[in-house]
Amino acid sequence: MEHDLLERENRQRSEALAGKMGRLKDIAIDLHMETLDQNTHLGNMGNDFDSTEGLLSGSVKRIGHMVSSGKGNRKLICYMVSLAVIMFFIIMFIAKFSSSGNP
């Protein structure tokens, strides 16, 4: 009688442990998938920043060329610098907004 009681208790605990192990496995799989998604997202952000860097460096080169071309382009230079500054702040706002996790 006592042996049957212990056997039943062991079976119940084994089933409870198996259920907990299954949940732990599901959590580990979810963590793995989330990590892969986050790594992909970070890789894409790196590519976006690289392309933005190329765009800004090209703008700086053009501005440098205009500055060296003479006094006639001062108004155009002012517009280009203003545009570059505005673009910088827009990009920073978008980067901050997207990194905060808001849709």
PDB file of N, CA and C in Angstrom:
ATOM      1  N   MET A   1       0.822  -1.191   0.000  1.00  0.00           N
ATOM      2  CA  MET A   1       0.000   0.000   0.000  1.00  0.00           C
ATOM      3  C   MET A   1       0.865   1.252   0.000  1.00  0.00           C
ATOM      4  N   GLU A   2       1.840   1.271   0.900  1.00  0.00           N
ATOM      5  CA  GLU A   2       2.732   2.429   0.977  1.00  0.00           C
ATOM      6  C   GLU A   2       3.571   2.542  -0.290  1.00  0.00           C
ATOM      7  N   HIS A   3       3.953   1.392  -0.823  1.00  0.00           N
ATOM      8  CA  HIS A   3       4.732   1.382  -2.058  1.00  0.00           C
ATOM      9  C   HIS A   3       3.926   1.979  -3.209  1.00  0.00           C
ATOM     10  N   ASP A   4       2.652   1.652  -3.308  1.00  0.00           N
ATOM     11  CA  ASP A   4       1.788   2.208  -4.346  1.00  0.00           C
ATOM     12  C   ASP A   4       1.622   3.715  -4.188  1.00  0.00           C
ATOM     13  N   LEU A   5       1.491   4.155  -2.962  1.00  0.00           N
ATOM     14  CA  LEU A   5       1.352   5.590  -2.688  1.00  0.00           C
ATOM     15  C   LEU A   5       2.608   6.348  -3.123  1.00  0.00           C
ATOM     16  N   LEU A   6       3.774   5.799  -2.788  1.00  0.00           N
ATOM     17  CA  LEU A   6       5.036   6.434  -3.199  1.00  0.00           C
ATOM     18  C   LEU A   6       5.198   6.406  -4.718  1.00  0.00           C
ATOM     19  N   GLU A   7       4.773   5.315  -5.317  1.00  0.00           N
ATOM     20  CA  GLU A   7       4.872   5.193  -6.779  1.00  0.00           C
ATOM     21  C   GLU A   7       3.979   6.227  -7.470  1.00  0.00           C
ATOM     22  N   ARG A   8       2.777   6.425  -6.975  1.00  0.00           N
ATOM     23  CA  ARG A   8       1.847   7.405  -7.530  1.00  0.00           C
ATOM     24  C   ARG A   8       2.402   8.828  -7.364  1.00  0.00           C
ATOM     25  N   GLU A   9       2.959   9.098  -6.188  1.00  0.00           N
ATOM     26  CA  GLU A   9       3.534  10.424  -5.928  1.00  0.00           C
ATOM     27  C   GLU A   9       4.728  10.687  -6.848  1.00  0.00           C
ATOM     28  N   ASN A  10       5.552   9.669  -7.049  1.00  0.00           N
ATOM     29  CA  ASN A  10       6.684   9.803  -7.974  1.00  0.00           C
ATOM     30  C   ASN A  10       6.199  10.083  -9.398  1.00  0.00           C
ATOM     31  N   ARG A  11       5.160   9.396  -9.835  1.00  0.00           N
ATOM     32  CA  ARG A  11       4.616   9.595 -11.174  1.00  0.00           C
ATOM     33  C   ARG A  11       4.082  11.025 -11.337  1.00  0.00           C
ATOM     34  N   GLN A  12       3.365  11.513 -10.313  1.00  0.00           N
ATOM     35  CA  GLN A  12       2.819  12.866 -10.371  1.00  0.00           C
ATOM     36  C   GLN A  12       3.939  13.910 -10.450  1.00  0.00           C
ATOM     37  N   ARG A  13       4.952  13.709  -9.645  1.00  0.00           N
ATOM     38  CA  ARG A  13       6.070  14.659  -9.659  1.00  0.00           C
ATOM     39  C   ARG A  13       6.841  14.598 -10.976  1.00  0.00           C
ATOM     40  N   SER A  14       6.967  13.389 -11.520  1.00  0.00           N
ATOM     41  CA  SER A  14       7.643  13.243 -12.820  1.00  0.00           C
ATOM     42  C   SER A  14       6.863  13.959 -13.917  1.00  0.00           C
ATOM     43  N   GLU A  15       5.545  13.835 -13.890  1.00  0.00           N
ATOM     44  CA  GLU A  15       4.712  14.519 -14.885  1.00  0.00           C
ATOM     45  C   GLU A  15       4.788  16.033 -14.718  1.00  0.00           C
ATOM     46  N   ALA A  16       4.806  16.510 -13.473  1.00  0.00           N
ATOM     47  CA  ALA A  16       4.935  17.952 -13.226  1.00  0.00           C
ATOM     48  C   ALA A  16       6.284  18.450 -13.715  1.00  0.00           C
ATOM     49  N   LEU A  17       7.339  17.673 -13.473  1.00  0.00           N
ATOM     50  CA  LEU A  17       8.673  18.057 -13.930  1.00  0.00           C
ATOM     51  C   LEU A  17       8.745  18.062 -15.451  1.00  0.00           C
ATOM     52  N   ALA A  18       8.111  17.095 -16.090  1.00  0.00           N
ATOM     53  CA  ALA A  18       8.099  17.054 -17.557  1.00  0.00           C
ATOM     54  C   ALA A  18       7.374  18.272 -18.122  1.00  0.00           C
ATOM     55  N   GLY A  19       6.287  18.683 -17.488  1.00  0.00           N
ATOM     56  CA  GLY A  19       5.571  19.878 -17.931  1.00  0.00           C
ATOM     57  C   GLY A  19       6.421  21.128 -17.790  1.00  0.00           C
ATOM     58  N   LYS A  20       7.121  21.235 -16.665  1.00  0.00           N
ATOM     59  CA  LYS A  20       7.997  22.393 -16.459  1.00  0.00           C
ATOM     60  C   LYS A  20       9.150  22.392 -17.455  1.00  0.00           C
ATOM     61  N   MET A  21       9.683  21.240 -17.759  1.00  0.00           N
ATOM     62  CA  MET A  21      10.767  21.148 -18.742  1.00  0.00           C
ATOM     63  C   MET A  21      10.273  21.549 -20.131  1.00  0.00           C
ATOM     64  N   GLY A  22       9.054  21.166 -20.463  1.00  0.00           N
ATOM     65  CA  GLY A  22       8.485  21.556 -21.749  1.00  0.00           C
ATOM     66  C   GLY A  22       8.320  23.066 -21.849  1.00  0.00           C
ATOM     67  N   ARG A  23       7.841  23.685 -20.775  1.00  0.00           N
ATOM     68  CA  ARG A  23       7.699  25.150 -20.772  1.00  0.00           C
ATOM     69  C   ARG A  23       9.060  25.831 -20.872  1.00  0.00           C
ATOM     70  N   LEU A  24      10.053  25.272 -20.161  1.00  0.00           N
ATOM     71  CA  LEU A  24      11.402  25.830 -20.214  1.00  0.00           C
ATOM     72  C   LEU A  24      11.981  25.718 -21.625  1.00  0.00           C
ATOM     73  N   LYS A  25      11.715  24.622 -22.296  1.00  0.00           N
ATOM     74  CA  LYS A  25      12.178  24.442 -23.668  1.00  0.00           C
ATOM     75  C   LYS A  25      11.516  25.472 -24.586  1.00  0.00           C
ATOM     76  N   ASP A  26      10.209  25.688 -24.428  1.00  0.00           N
ATOM     77  CA  ASP A  26       9.504  26.692 -25.235  1.00  0.00           C
ATOM     78  C   ASP A  26      10.069  28.086 -25.006  1.00  0.00           C
ATOM     79  N   ILE A  27      10.385  28.410 -23.756  1.00  0.00           N
ATOM     80  CA  ILE A  27      10.959  29.724 -23.445  1.00  0.00           C
ATOM     81  C   ILE A  27      12.330  29.869 -24.107  1.00  0.00           C
ATOM     82  N   ALA A  28      13.142  28.805 -24.054  1.00  0.00           N
ATOM     83  CA  ALA A  28      14.473  28.853 -24.663  1.00  0.00           C
ATOM     84  C   ALA A  28      14.368  29.042 -26.173  1.00  0.00           C
ATOM     85  N   ILE A  29      13.411  28.380 -26.812  1.00  0.00           N
ATOM     86  CA  ILE A  29      13.217  28.527 -28.260  1.00  0.00           C
ATOM     87  C   ILE A  29      12.755  29.945 -28.583  1.00  0.00           C
ATOM     88  N   ASP A  30      11.832  30.478 -27.780  1.00  0.00           N
ATOM     89  CA  ASP A  30      11.379  31.854 -27.994  1.00  0.00           C
ATOM     90  C   ASP A  30      12.519  32.853 -27.829  1.00  0.00           C
ATOM     91  N   LEU A  31      13.362  32.643 -26.826  1.00  0.00           N
ATOM     92  CA  LEU A  31      14.519  33.524 -26.632  1.00  0.00           C
ATOM     93  C   LEU A  31      15.471  33.462 -27.823  1.00  0.00           C
ATOM     94  N   HIS A  32      15.680  32.276 -28.331  1.00  0.00           N
ATOM     95  CA  HIS A  32      16.560  32.108 -29.499  1.00  0.00           C
ATOM     96  C   HIS A  32      15.999  32.848 -30.712  1.00  0.00           C
ATOM     97  N   MET A  33      14.716  32.689 -30.958  1.00  0.00           N
ATOM     98  CA  MET A  33      14.092  33.358 -32.113  1.00  0.00           C
ATOM     99  C   MET A  33      14.133  34.874 -31.943  1.00  0.00           C
ATOM    100  N   GLU A  34      13.876  35.366 -30.743  1.00  0.00           N
ATOM    101  CA  GLU A  34      13.919  36.807 -30.483  1.00  0.00           C
ATOM    102  C   GLU A  34      15.333  37.344 -30.672  1.00  0.00           C
ATOM    103  N   THR A  35      16.336  36.576 -30.238  1.00  0.00           N
ATOM    104  CA  THR A  35      17.723  36.992 -30.418  1.00  0.00           C
ATOM    105  C   THR A  35      18.070  37.083 -31.894  1.00  0.00           C
ATOM    106  N   LEU A  36      17.635  36.117 -32.683  1.00  0.00           N
ATOM    107  CA  LEU A  36      17.893  36.163 -34.122  1.00  0.00           C
ATOM    108  C   LEU A  36      17.220  37.374 -34.766  1.00  0.00           C
ATOM    109  N   ASP A  37      15.981  37.662 -34.371  1.00  0.00           N
ATOM    110  CA  ASP A  37      15.275  38.830 -34.906  1.00  0.00           C
ATOM    111  C   ASP A  37      15.982  40.127 -34.535  1.00  0.00           C
ATOM    112  N   GLN A  38      16.427  40.220 -33.290  1.00  0.00           N
ATOM    113  CA  GLN A  38      17.118  41.439 -32.845  1.00  0.00           C
ATOM    114  C   GLN A  38      18.453  41.608 -33.558  1.00  0.00           C
ATOM    115  N   ASN A  39      19.179  40.524 -33.774  1.00  0.00           N
ATOM    116  CA  ASN A  39      20.444  40.613 -34.510  1.00  0.00           C
ATOM    117  C   ASN A  39      20.219  41.065 -35.944  1.00  0.00           C
ATOM    118  N   THR A  40      19.169  40.577 -36.573  1.00  0.00           N
ATOM    119  CA  THR A  40      18.834  41.011 -37.928  1.00  0.00           C
ATOM    120  C   THR A  40      18.492  42.494 -37.942  1.00  0.00           C
ATOM    121  N   HIS A  41      17.710  42.916 -36.967  1.00  0.00           N
ATOM    122  CA  HIS A  41      17.327  44.331 -36.867  1.00  0.00           C
ATOM    123  C   HIS A  41      18.561  45.214 -36.675  1.00  0.00           C
ATOM    124  N   LEU A  42      19.471  44.796 -35.794  1.00  0.00           N
ATOM    125  CA  LEU A  42      20.689  45.568 -35.562  1.00  0.00           C
ATOM    126  C   LEU A  42      21.570  45.610 -36.806  1.00  0.00           C
ATOM    127  N   GLY A  43      21.646  44.509 -37.525  1.00  0.00           N
ATOM    128  CA  GLY A  43      22.414  44.496 -38.772  1.00  0.00           C
ATOM    129  C   GLY A  43      21.844  45.455 -39.800  1.00  0.00           C
ATOM    130  N   ASN A  44      20.522  45.485 -39.905  1.00  0.00           N
ATOM    131  CA  ASN A  44      19.881  46.418 -40.841  1.00  0.00           C
ATOM    132  C   ASN A  44      20.112  47.863 -40.424  1.00  0.00           C
ATOM    133  N   MET A  45      20.093  48.125 -39.116  1.00  0.00           N
ATOM    134  CA  MET A  45      20.359  49.487 -38.643  1.00  0.00           C
ATOM    135  C   MET A  45      21.780  49.901 -38.986  1.00  0.00           C
ATOM    136  N   GLY A  46      22.723  48.981 -38.862  1.00  0.00           N
ATOM    137  CA  GLY A  46      24.110  49.279 -39.227  1.00  0.00           C
ATOM    138  C   GLY A  46      24.228  49.637 -40.697  1.00  0.00           C
ATOM    139  N   ASN A  47      23.530  48.890 -41.546  1.00  0.00           N
ATOM    140  CA  ASN A  47      23.546  49.196 -42.984  1.00  0.00           C
ATOM    141  C   ASN A  47      22.918  50.559 -43.263  1.00  0.00           C
ATOM    142  N   ASP A  48      21.836  50.871 -42.561  1.00  0.00           N
ATOM    143  CA  ASP A  48      21.186  52.173 -42.742  1.00  0.00           C
ATOM    144  C   ASP A  48      22.116  53.308 -42.339  1.00  0.00           C
ATOM    145  N   PHE A  49      22.812  53.142 -41.228  1.00  0.00           N
ATOM    146  CA  PHE A  49      23.741  54.176 -40.783  1.00  0.00           C
ATOM    147  C   PHE A  49      24.914  54.312 -41.749  1.00  0.00           C
ATOM    148  N   ASP A  50      25.378  53.200 -42.315  1.00  0.00           N
ATOM    149  CA  ASP A  50      26.458  53.276 -43.302  1.00  0.00           C
ATOM    150  C   ASP A  50      26.025  54.047 -44.536  1.00  0.00           C
ATOM    151  N   SER A  51      24.813  53.791 -45.017  1.00  0.00           N
ATOM    152  CA  SER A  51      24.340  54.513 -46.197  1.00  0.00           C
ATOM    153  C   SER A  51      24.129  55.988 -45.885  1.00  0.00           C
ATOM    154  N   THR A  52      23.680  56.297 -44.673  1.00  0.00           N
ATOM    155  CA  THR A  52      23.516  57.691 -44.271  1.00  0.00           C
ATOM    156  C   THR A  52      24.866  58.383 -44.178  1.00  0.00           C
ATOM    157  N   GLU A  53      25.853  57.660 -43.690  1.00  0.00           N
ATOM    158  CA  GLU A  53      27.198  58.228 -43.606  1.00  0.00           C
ATOM    159  C   GLU A  53      27.721  58.570 -45.002  1.00  0.00           C
ATOM    160  N   GLY A  54      27.474  57.689 -45.967  1.00  0.00           N
ATOM    161  CA  GLY A  54      27.889  57.959 -47.337  1.00  0.00           C
ATOM    162  C   GLY A  54      27.192  59.180 -47.912  1.00  0.00           C
ATOM    163  N   LEU A  55      25.911  59.307 -47.629  1.00  0.00           N
ATOM    164  CA  LEU A  55      25.151  60.456 -48.120  1.00  0.00           C
ATOM    165  C   LEU A  55      25.681  61.747 -47.514  1.00  0.00           C
ATOM    166  N   LEU A  56      25.916  61.751 -46.209  1.00  0.00           N
ATOM    167  CA  LEU A  56      26.415  62.958 -45.550  1.00  0.00           C
ATOM    168  C   LEU A  56      27.840  63.306 -45.987  1.00  0.00           C
ATOM    169  N   SER A  57      28.680  62.316 -46.178  1.00  0.00           N
ATOM    170  CA  SER A  57      30.048  62.617 -46.612  1.00  0.00           C
ATOM    171  C   SER A  57      30.045  63.192 -48.023  1.00  0.00           C
ATOM    172  N   GLY A  58      29.151  62.708 -48.893  1.00  0.00           N
ATOM    173  CA  GLY A  58      29.034  63.285 -50.226  1.00  0.00           C
ATOM    174  C   GLY A  58      28.563  64.729 -50.166  1.00  0.00           C
ATOM    175  N   SER A  59      27.641  65.009 -49.264  1.00  0.00           N
ATOM    176  CA  SER A  59      27.154  66.384 -49.103  1.00  0.00           C
ATOM    177  C   SER A  59      28.268  67.301 -48.613  1.00  0.00           C
ATOM    178  N   VAL A  60      29.052  66.811 -47.677  1.00  0.00           N
ATOM    179  CA  VAL A  60      30.157  67.617 -47.154  1.00  0.00           C
ATOM    180  C   VAL A  60      31.177  67.894 -48.257  1.00  0.00           C
ATOM    181  N   LYS A  61      31.455  66.927 -49.103  1.00  0.00           N
ATOM    182  CA  LYS A  61      32.387  67.140 -50.216  1.00  0.00           C
ATOM    183  C   LYS A  61      31.858  68.192 -51.182  1.00  0.00           C
ATOM    184  N   ARG A  62      30.557  68.131 -51.478  1.00  0.00           N
ATOM    185  CA  ARG A  62      29.978  69.127 -52.393  1.00  0.00           C
ATOM    186  C   ARG A  62      30.011  70.519 -51.777  1.00  0.00           C
ATOM    187  N   ILE A  63      29.743  70.593 -50.487  1.00  0.00           N
ATOM    188  CA  ILE A  63      29.794  71.894 -49.805  1.00  0.00           C
ATOM    189  C   ILE A  63      31.221  72.428 -49.824  1.00  0.00           C
ATOM    190  N   GLY A  64      32.182  71.565 -49.572  1.00  0.00           N
ATOM    191  CA  GLY A  64      33.585  71.977 -49.631  1.00  0.00           C
ATOM    192  C   GLY A  64      33.972  72.482 -51.005  1.00  0.00           C
ATOM    193  N   HIS A  65      33.482  71.825 -52.038  1.00  0.00           N
ATOM    194  CA  HIS A  65      33.752  72.257 -53.413  1.00  0.00           C
ATOM    195  C   HIS A  65      33.132  73.623 -53.677  1.00  0.00           C
ATOM    196  N   MET A  66      31.896  73.848 -53.192  1.00  0.00           N
ATOM    197  CA  MET A  66      31.246  75.138 -53.399  1.00  0.00           C
ATOM    198  C   MET A  66      31.964  76.252 -52.655  1.00  0.00           C
ATOM    199  N   VAL A  67      32.449  75.947 -51.446  1.00  0.00           N
ATOM    200  CA  VAL A  67      33.164  76.959 -50.671  1.00  0.00           C
ATOM    201  C   VAL A  67      34.437  77.374 -51.387  1.00  0.00           C
ATOM    202  N   SER A  68      35.113  76.414 -51.963  1.00  0.00           N
ATOM    203  CA  SER A  68      36.368  76.728 -52.644  1.00  0.00           C
ATOM    204  C   SER A  68      36.146  77.359 -54.015  1.00  0.00           C
ATOM    205  N   SER A  69      34.928  77.347 -54.542  1.00  0.00           N
ATOM    206  CA  SER A  69      34.691  77.861 -55.891  1.00  0.00           C
ATOM    207  C   SER A  69      34.591  79.380 -55.945  1.00  0.00           C
ATOM    208  N   GLY A  70      34.393  80.063 -54.845  1.00  0.00           N
ATOM    209  CA  GLY A  70      34.380  81.520 -54.878  1.00  0.00           C
ATOM    210  C   GLY A  70      33.259  82.114 -54.059  1.00  0.00           C
ATOM    211  N   LYS A  71      33.155  83.454 -54.116  1.00  0.00           N
ATOM    212  CA  LYS A  71      32.196  84.186 -53.302  1.00  0.00           C
ATOM    213  C   LYS A  71      30.791  84.182 -53.880  1.00  0.00           C
ATOM    214  N   GLY A  72      30.598  83.858 -55.107  1.00  0.00           N
ATOM    215  CA  GLY A  72      29.301  83.932 -55.759  1.00  0.00           C
ATOM    216  C   GLY A  72      28.293  82.918 -55.240  1.00  0.00           C
ATOM    217  N   ASN A  73      28.764  81.891 -54.584  1.00  0.00           N
ATOM    218  CA  ASN A  73      27.872  80.816 -54.152  1.00  0.00           C
ATOM    219  C   ASN A  73      27.554  80.857 -52.659  1.00  0.00           C
ATOM    220  N   ARG A  74      27.759  81.951 -51.993  1.00  0.00           N
ATOM    221  CA  ARG A  74      27.565  82.029 -50.533  1.00  0.00           C
ATOM    222  C   ARG A  74      26.116  81.719 -50.137  1.00  0.00           C
ATOM    223  N   LYS A  75      25.157  82.228 -50.884  1.00  0.00           N
ATOM    224  CA  LYS A  75      23.749  81.981 -50.557  1.00  0.00           C
ATOM    225  C   LYS A  75      23.423  80.495 -50.722  1.00  0.00           C
ATOM    226  N   LEU A  76      23.911  79.896 -51.781  1.00  0.00           N
ATOM    227  CA  LEU A  76      23.691  78.475 -52.024  1.00  0.00           C
ATOM    228  C   LEU A  76      24.362  77.628 -50.942  1.00  0.00           C
ATOM    229  N   ILE A  77      25.537  78.029 -50.523  1.00  0.00           N
ATOM    230  CA  ILE A  77      26.244  77.318 -49.457  1.00  0.00           C
ATOM    231  C   ILE A  77      25.440  77.375 -48.169  1.00  0.00           C
ATOM    232  N   CYS A  78      24.900  78.546 -47.863  1.00  0.00           N
ATOM    233  CA  CYS A  78      24.088  78.696 -46.654  1.00  0.00           C
ATOM    234  C   CYS A  78      22.884  77.753 -46.698  1.00  0.00           C
ATOM    235  N   TYR A  79      22.222  77.653 -47.846  1.00  0.00           N
ATOM    236  CA  TYR A  79      21.081  76.750 -47.983  1.00  0.00           C
ATOM    237  C   TYR A  79      21.503  75.292 -47.824  1.00  0.00           C
ATOM    238  N   MET A  80      22.633  74.935 -48.411  1.00  0.00           N
ATOM    239  CA  MET A  80      23.086  73.549 -48.341  1.00  0.00           C
ATOM    240  C   MET A  80      23.459  73.163 -46.905  1.00  0.00           C
ATOM    241  N   VAL A  81      24.140  74.060 -46.203  1.00  0.00           N
ATOM    242  CA  VAL A  81      24.513  73.769 -44.816  1.00  0.00           C
ATOM    243  C   VAL A  81      23.256  73.652 -43.955  1.00  0.00           C
ATOM    244  N   SER A  82      22.301  74.539 -44.170  1.00  0.00           N
ATOM    245  CA  SER A  82      21.048  74.474 -43.418  1.00  0.00           C
ATOM    246  C   SER A  82      20.331  73.155 -43.685  1.00  0.00           C
ATOM    247  N   LEU A  83      20.297  72.748 -44.939  1.00  0.00           N
ATOM    248  CA  LEU A  83      19.659  71.478 -45.301  1.00  0.00           C
ATOM    249  C   LEU A  83      20.367  70.299 -44.628  1.00  0.00           C
ATOM    250  N   ALA A  84      21.697  70.320 -44.610  1.00  0.00           N
ATOM    251  CA  ALA A  84      22.455  69.231 -43.981  1.00  0.00           C
ATOM    252  C   ALA A  84      22.172  69.163 -42.483  1.00  0.00           C
ATOM    253  N   VAL A  85      22.099  70.302 -41.835  1.00  0.00           N
ATOM    254  CA  VAL A  85      21.825  70.324 -40.396  1.00  0.00           C
ATOM    255  C   VAL A  85      20.421  69.800 -40.115  1.00  0.00           C
ATOM    256  N   ILE A  86      19.457  70.225 -40.910  1.00  0.00           N
ATOM    257  CA  ILE A  86      18.074  69.762 -40.736  1.00  0.00           C
ATOM    258  C   ILE A  86      17.984  68.256 -40.966  1.00  0.00           C
ATOM    259  N   MET A  87      18.656  67.766 -42.009  1.00  0.00           N
ATOM    260  CA  MET A  87      18.649  66.323 -42.291  1.00  0.00           C
ATOM    261  C   MET A  87      19.265  65.543 -41.121  1.00  0.00           C
ATOM    262  N   PHE A  88      20.335  66.095 -40.556  1.00  0.00           N
ATOM    263  CA  PHE A  88      20.981  65.435 -39.419  1.00  0.00           C
ATOM    264  C   PHE A  88      20.000  65.280 -38.263  1.00  0.00           C
ATOM    265  N   PHE A  89      19.291  66.349 -37.936  1.00  0.00           N
ATOM    266  CA  PHE A  89      18.351  66.274 -36.823  1.00  0.00           C
ATOM    267  C   PHE A  89      17.170  65.352 -37.132  1.00  0.00           C
ATOM    268  N   ILE A  90      16.727  65.319 -38.358  1.00  0.00           N
ATOM    269  CA  ILE A  90      15.641  64.405 -38.739  1.00  0.00           C
ATOM    270  C   ILE A  90      16.094  62.958 -38.586  1.00  0.00           C
ATOM    271  N   ILE A  91      17.306  62.663 -39.043  1.00  0.00           N
ATOM    272  CA  ILE A  91      17.832  61.300 -38.941  1.00  0.00           C
ATOM    273  C   ILE A  91      18.014  60.903 -37.480  1.00  0.00           C
ATOM    274  N   MET A  92      18.506  61.811 -36.672  1.00  0.00           N
ATOM    275  CA  MET A  92      18.672  61.518 -35.248  1.00  0.00           C
ATOM    276  C   MET A  92      17.320  61.282 -34.578  1.00  0.00           C
ATOM    277  N   PHE A  93      16.305  62.067 -34.953  1.00  0.00           N
ATOM    278  CA  PHE A  93      14.966  61.881 -34.394  1.00  0.00           C
ATOM    279  C   PHE A  93      14.407  60.517 -34.783  1.00  0.00           C
ATOM    280  N   ILE A  94      14.568  60.153 -36.041  1.00  0.00           N
ATOM    281  CA  ILE A  94      14.066  58.851 -36.513  1.00  0.00           C
ATOM    282  C   ILE A  94      14.805  57.716 -35.812  1.00  0.00           C
ATOM    283  N   ALA A  95      16.117  57.846 -35.674  1.00  0.00           N
ATOM    284  CA  ALA A  95      16.887  56.802 -34.996  1.00  0.00           C
ATOM    285  C   ALA A  95      16.463  56.666 -33.541  1.00  0.00           C
ATOM    286  N   LYS A  96      16.251  57.775 -32.865  1.00  0.00           N
ATOM    287  CA  LYS A  96      15.834  57.720 -31.459  1.00  0.00           C
ATOM    288  C   LYS A  96      14.430  57.150 -31.349  1.00  0.00           C
ATOM    289  N   PHE A  97      13.534  57.538 -32.252  1.00  0.00           N
ATOM    290  CA  PHE A  97      12.168  57.051 -32.234  1.00  0.00           C
ATOM    291  C   PHE A  97      12.123  55.552 -32.480  1.00  0.00           C
ATOM    292  N   SER A  98      12.912  55.070 -33.440  1.00  0.00           N
ATOM    293  CA  SER A  98      12.881  53.635 -33.749  1.00  0.00           C
ATOM    294  C   SER A  98      13.569  52.814 -32.672  1.00  0.00           C
ATOM    295  N   SER A  99      14.553  53.374 -31.986  1.00  0.00           N
ATOM    296  CA  SER A  99      15.236  52.607 -30.935  1.00  0.00           C
ATOM    297  C   SER A  99      14.435  52.548 -29.645  1.00  0.00           C
ATOM    298  N   SER A 100      13.452  53.426 -29.488  1.00  0.00           N
ATOM    299  CA  SER A 100      12.644  53.394 -28.262  1.00  0.00           C
ATOM    300  C   SER A 100      11.601  52.291 -28.286  1.00  0.00           C
ATOM    301  N   GLY A 101      11.434  51.631 -29.439  1.00  0.00           N
ATOM    302  CA  GLY A 101      10.498  50.517 -29.516  1.00  0.00           C
ATOM    303  C   GLY A 101       9.089  50.903 -29.855  1.00  0.00           C
ATOM    304  N   ASN A 102       8.840  52.139 -30.145  1.00  0.00           N
ATOM    305  CA  ASN A 102       7.495  52.574 -30.534  1.00  0.00           C
ATOM    306  C   ASN A 102       7.278  52.238 -32.003  1.00  0.00           C
ATOM    307  N   PRO A 103       6.045  51.839 -32.375  1.00  0.00           N
ATOM    308  CA  PRO A 103       5.799  51.518 -33.787  1.00  0.00           C
ATOM    309  C   PRO A 103       5.765  52.753 -34.651  1.00  0.00           C
TER     310      PRO A 103
END
